[in-house]
Amino acid sequence: MMKPLLFAAAIAGSLAFTPATIEPHPRIHAAIAALVDARAELKGAAHDFGGHKAAAMRAVDVALKQLRLADAYDNK
């Protein structure tokens, strides 16, 4: 039977060679987060950005939907 310290070292050594889990498409996830923040800022703004606020919010919604669909498709 392996001594506990040697067993722990063996486990740690095997983990050292396991490839790190890398989030696929980090820029897509960052874009989603940025768009969510931008939408919240637009929604909370006191003015309408020269009449462009509503259209900008709709465009953000469309972009979010497409990015989320793309991400979901890739995660199948």
N, C-alpha and C. Protein backbone atom coordinates (compact mmCIF):
# COMPACT_ATOMS: atom_id res chain seq x y z
N MET A 1 0.83 -1.18 0.00
CA MET A 1 0.00 0.00 0.00
C MET A 1 0.88 1.25 0.00
N MET A 2 0.52 2.23 -0.82
CA MET A 2 1.29 3.48 -0.88
C MET A 2 1.10 4.28 0.38
N LYS A 3 2.14 4.91 0.78
CA LYS A 3 2.03 5.81 1.92
C LYS A 3 1.20 7.02 1.49
N PRO A 4 0.43 7.62 2.39
CA PRO A 4 -0.43 8.75 2.03
C PRO A 4 0.31 9.88 1.33
N LEU A 5 1.52 10.19 1.77
CA LEU A 5 2.26 11.29 1.16
C LEU A 5 2.64 10.96 -0.28
N LEU A 6 3.07 9.72 -0.53
CA LEU A 6 3.41 9.32 -1.89
C LEU A 6 2.17 9.29 -2.78
N PHE A 7 1.07 8.85 -2.22
CA PHE A 7 -0.19 8.82 -2.96
C PHE A 7 -0.61 10.24 -3.36
N ALA A 8 -0.52 11.17 -2.42
CA ALA A 8 -0.87 12.56 -2.71
C ALA A 8 0.05 13.14 -3.77
N ALA A 9 1.33 12.80 -3.70
CA ALA A 9 2.28 13.29 -4.70
C ALA A 9 1.96 12.72 -6.08
N ALA A 10 1.57 11.47 -6.12
CA ALA A 10 1.22 10.84 -7.39
C ALA A 10 -0.01 11.52 -8.01
N ILE A 11 -0.99 11.80 -7.18
CA ILE A 11 -2.19 12.49 -7.66
C ILE A 11 -1.83 13.88 -8.17
N ALA A 12 -1.05 14.62 -7.38
CA ALA A 12 -0.65 15.98 -7.77
C ALA A 12 0.14 15.95 -9.07
N GLY A 13 1.02 14.98 -9.21
CA GLY A 13 1.81 14.87 -10.43
C GLY A 13 0.96 14.58 -11.64
N SER A 14 -0.05 13.74 -11.49
CA SER A 14 -0.91 13.43 -12.64
C SER A 14 -1.75 14.64 -13.01
N LEU A 15 -2.15 15.43 -12.02
CA LEU A 15 -2.93 16.63 -12.31
C LEU A 15 -2.09 17.69 -13.01
N ALA A 16 -0.80 17.70 -12.74
CA ALA A 16 0.08 18.68 -13.36
C ALA A 16 0.13 18.50 -14.87
N PHE A 17 -0.11 17.30 -15.34
CA PHE A 17 -0.05 17.04 -16.77
C PHE A 17 -1.41 17.01 -17.43
N THR A 18 -2.45 17.28 -16.65
CA THR A 18 -3.80 17.35 -17.21
C THR A 18 -3.97 18.71 -17.84
N PRO A 19 -4.39 18.78 -19.13
CA PRO A 19 -4.55 20.10 -19.75
C PRO A 19 -5.59 20.91 -18.99
N ALA A 20 -5.29 22.17 -18.80
CA ALA A 20 -6.22 23.05 -18.10
C ALA A 20 -7.49 23.20 -18.93
N THR A 21 -8.60 23.30 -18.23
CA THR A 21 -9.86 23.51 -18.92
C THR A 21 -9.90 24.96 -19.37
N ILE A 22 -9.93 25.15 -20.65
CA ILE A 22 -9.94 26.50 -21.21
C ILE A 22 -11.34 26.77 -21.73
N GLU A 23 -11.87 27.89 -21.30
CA GLU A 23 -13.21 28.27 -21.75
C GLU A 23 -13.19 28.50 -23.25
N PRO A 24 -14.06 27.80 -23.98
CA PRO A 24 -14.09 28.04 -25.42
C PRO A 24 -14.69 29.41 -25.71
N HIS A 25 -14.12 30.08 -26.65
CA HIS A 25 -14.62 31.36 -27.15
C HIS A 25 -14.73 32.43 -26.07
N PRO A 26 -13.64 32.74 -25.39
CA PRO A 26 -13.70 33.74 -24.33
C PRO A 26 -14.11 35.12 -24.84
N ARG A 27 -13.81 35.44 -26.08
CA ARG A 27 -14.20 36.75 -26.61
C ARG A 27 -15.70 36.84 -26.83
N ILE A 28 -16.31 35.73 -27.19
CA ILE A 28 -17.78 35.73 -27.34
C ILE A 28 -18.42 35.93 -25.98
N HIS A 29 -17.92 35.26 -24.97
CA HIS A 29 -18.47 35.42 -23.62
C HIS A 29 -18.23 36.83 -23.10
N ALA A 30 -17.07 37.40 -23.43
CA ALA A 30 -16.79 38.79 -23.02
C ALA A 30 -17.73 39.75 -23.75
N ALA A 31 -18.01 39.47 -25.01
CA ALA A 31 -18.93 40.33 -25.77
C ALA A 31 -20.33 40.27 -25.19
N ILE A 32 -20.76 39.09 -24.81
CA ILE A 32 -22.08 38.95 -24.19
C ILE A 32 -22.14 39.77 -22.91
N ALA A 33 -21.12 39.67 -22.08
CA ALA A 33 -21.10 40.43 -20.82
C ALA A 33 -21.09 41.93 -21.10
N ALA A 34 -20.32 42.36 -22.09
CA ALA A 34 -20.26 43.79 -22.42
C ALA A 34 -21.60 44.29 -22.95
N LEU A 35 -22.25 43.48 -23.76
CA LEU A 35 -23.56 43.88 -24.28
C LEU A 35 -24.62 43.93 -23.18
N VAL A 36 -24.56 43.00 -22.25
CA VAL A 36 -25.50 43.03 -21.12
C VAL A 36 -25.29 44.32 -20.32
N ASP A 37 -24.03 44.69 -20.09
CA ASP A 37 -23.73 45.93 -19.36
C ASP A 37 -24.19 47.15 -20.16
N ALA A 38 -23.93 47.15 -21.46
CA ALA A 38 -24.34 48.28 -22.31
C ALA A 38 -25.85 48.43 -22.32
N ARG A 39 -26.55 47.32 -22.38
CA ARG A 39 -28.02 47.39 -22.39
C ARG A 39 -28.54 47.97 -21.08
N ALA A 40 -27.95 47.55 -19.98
CA ALA A 40 -28.35 48.09 -18.68
C ALA A 40 -28.09 49.59 -18.60
N GLU A 41 -26.97 50.01 -19.14
CA GLU A 41 -26.65 51.44 -19.15
C GLU A 41 -27.64 52.21 -20.01
N LEU A 42 -27.94 51.68 -21.18
CA LEU A 42 -28.93 52.33 -22.05
C LEU A 42 -30.28 52.42 -21.35
N LYS A 43 -30.70 51.31 -20.78
CA LYS A 43 -32.01 51.26 -20.13
C LYS A 43 -32.11 52.27 -18.99
N GLY A 44 -31.04 52.41 -18.23
CA GLY A 44 -31.06 53.29 -17.08
C GLY A 44 -30.76 54.75 -17.39
N ALA A 45 -30.40 55.02 -18.62
CA ALA A 45 -30.04 56.40 -18.98
C ALA A 45 -31.26 57.32 -18.93
N ALA A 46 -31.02 58.54 -18.50
CA ALA A 46 -32.10 59.52 -18.38
C ALA A 46 -32.48 60.13 -19.73
N HIS A 47 -31.61 60.02 -20.72
CA HIS A 47 -31.92 60.62 -22.02
C HIS A 47 -31.99 59.53 -23.09
N ASP A 48 -32.40 59.91 -24.29
CA ASP A 48 -32.63 58.90 -25.33
C ASP A 48 -31.54 58.88 -26.41
N PHE A 49 -30.40 59.47 -26.12
CA PHE A 49 -29.26 59.45 -27.05
C PHE A 49 -29.65 59.93 -28.44
N GLY A 50 -30.31 61.06 -28.48
CA GLY A 50 -30.68 61.67 -29.76
C GLY A 50 -31.69 60.84 -30.54
N GLY A 51 -32.52 60.10 -29.83
CA GLY A 51 -33.52 59.28 -30.48
C GLY A 51 -33.04 57.89 -30.85
N HIS A 52 -31.84 57.53 -30.44
CA HIS A 52 -31.26 56.23 -30.83
C HIS A 52 -31.34 55.16 -29.75
N LYS A 53 -31.83 55.52 -28.57
CA LYS A 53 -31.84 54.58 -27.44
C LYS A 53 -32.64 53.32 -27.74
N ALA A 54 -33.86 53.46 -28.20
CA ALA A 54 -34.71 52.28 -28.43
C ALA A 54 -34.12 51.38 -29.51
N ALA A 55 -33.64 51.97 -30.59
CA ALA A 55 -33.05 51.17 -31.67
C ALA A 55 -31.77 50.48 -31.19
N ALA A 56 -30.99 51.18 -30.38
CA ALA A 56 -29.76 50.58 -29.86
C ALA A 56 -30.08 49.40 -28.96
N MET A 57 -31.10 49.54 -28.13
CA MET A 57 -31.49 48.43 -27.25
C MET A 57 -31.98 47.24 -28.06
N ARG A 58 -32.72 47.49 -29.12
CA ARG A 58 -33.18 46.37 -29.97
C ARG A 58 -31.99 45.70 -30.65
N ALA A 59 -31.03 46.49 -31.10
CA ALA A 59 -29.84 45.93 -31.75
C ALA A 59 -29.03 45.08 -30.76
N VAL A 60 -28.92 45.56 -29.53
CA VAL A 60 -28.22 44.80 -28.50
C VAL A 60 -28.95 43.48 -28.24
N ASP A 61 -30.28 43.53 -28.18
CA ASP A 61 -31.05 42.31 -27.95
C ASP A 61 -30.83 41.29 -29.07
N VAL A 62 -30.80 41.77 -30.30
CA VAL A 62 -30.56 40.87 -31.44
C VAL A 62 -29.16 40.29 -31.37
N ALA A 63 -28.18 41.12 -31.07
CA ALA A 63 -26.80 40.64 -30.97
C ALA A 63 -26.65 39.62 -29.85
N LEU A 64 -27.26 39.90 -28.69
CA LEU A 64 -27.20 38.95 -27.58
C LEU A 64 -27.82 37.61 -27.97
N LYS A 65 -28.96 37.67 -28.62
CA LYS A 65 -29.63 36.43 -29.03
C LYS A 65 -28.73 35.61 -29.96
N GLN A 66 -28.13 36.26 -30.93
CA GLN A 66 -27.28 35.55 -31.89
C GLN A 66 -26.02 34.99 -31.23
N LEU A 67 -25.40 35.77 -30.37
CA LEU A 67 -24.20 35.28 -29.68
C LEU A 67 -24.52 34.09 -28.78
N ARG A 68 -25.64 34.17 -28.09
CA ARG A 68 -26.03 33.06 -27.21
C ARG A 68 -26.38 31.81 -28.02
N LEU A 69 -27.04 31.99 -29.17
CA LEU A 69 -27.33 30.85 -30.03
C LEU A 69 -26.04 30.23 -30.58
N ALA A 70 -25.10 31.08 -30.98
CA ALA A 70 -23.83 30.57 -31.49
C ALA A 70 -23.09 29.80 -30.41
N ASP A 71 -23.08 30.34 -29.20
CA ASP A 71 -22.41 29.66 -28.09
C ASP A 71 -23.09 28.33 -27.76
N ALA A 72 -24.42 28.35 -27.74
CA ALA A 72 -25.16 27.11 -27.44
C ALA A 72 -24.92 26.05 -28.52
N TYR A 73 -24.86 26.47 -29.77
CA TYR A 73 -24.62 25.53 -30.87
C TYR A 73 -23.23 24.88 -30.71
N ASP A 74 -22.26 25.68 -30.35
CA ASP A 74 -20.91 25.16 -30.21
C ASP A 74 -20.76 24.25 -29.00
N ASN A 75 -21.64 24.37 -28.02
CA ASN A 75 -21.55 23.56 -26.80
C ASN A 75 -22.31 22.25 -26.91
N LYS A 76 -22.82 21.91 -28.07
CA LYS A 76 -23.57 20.66 -28.22
C LYS A 76 -22.64 19.48 -28.22
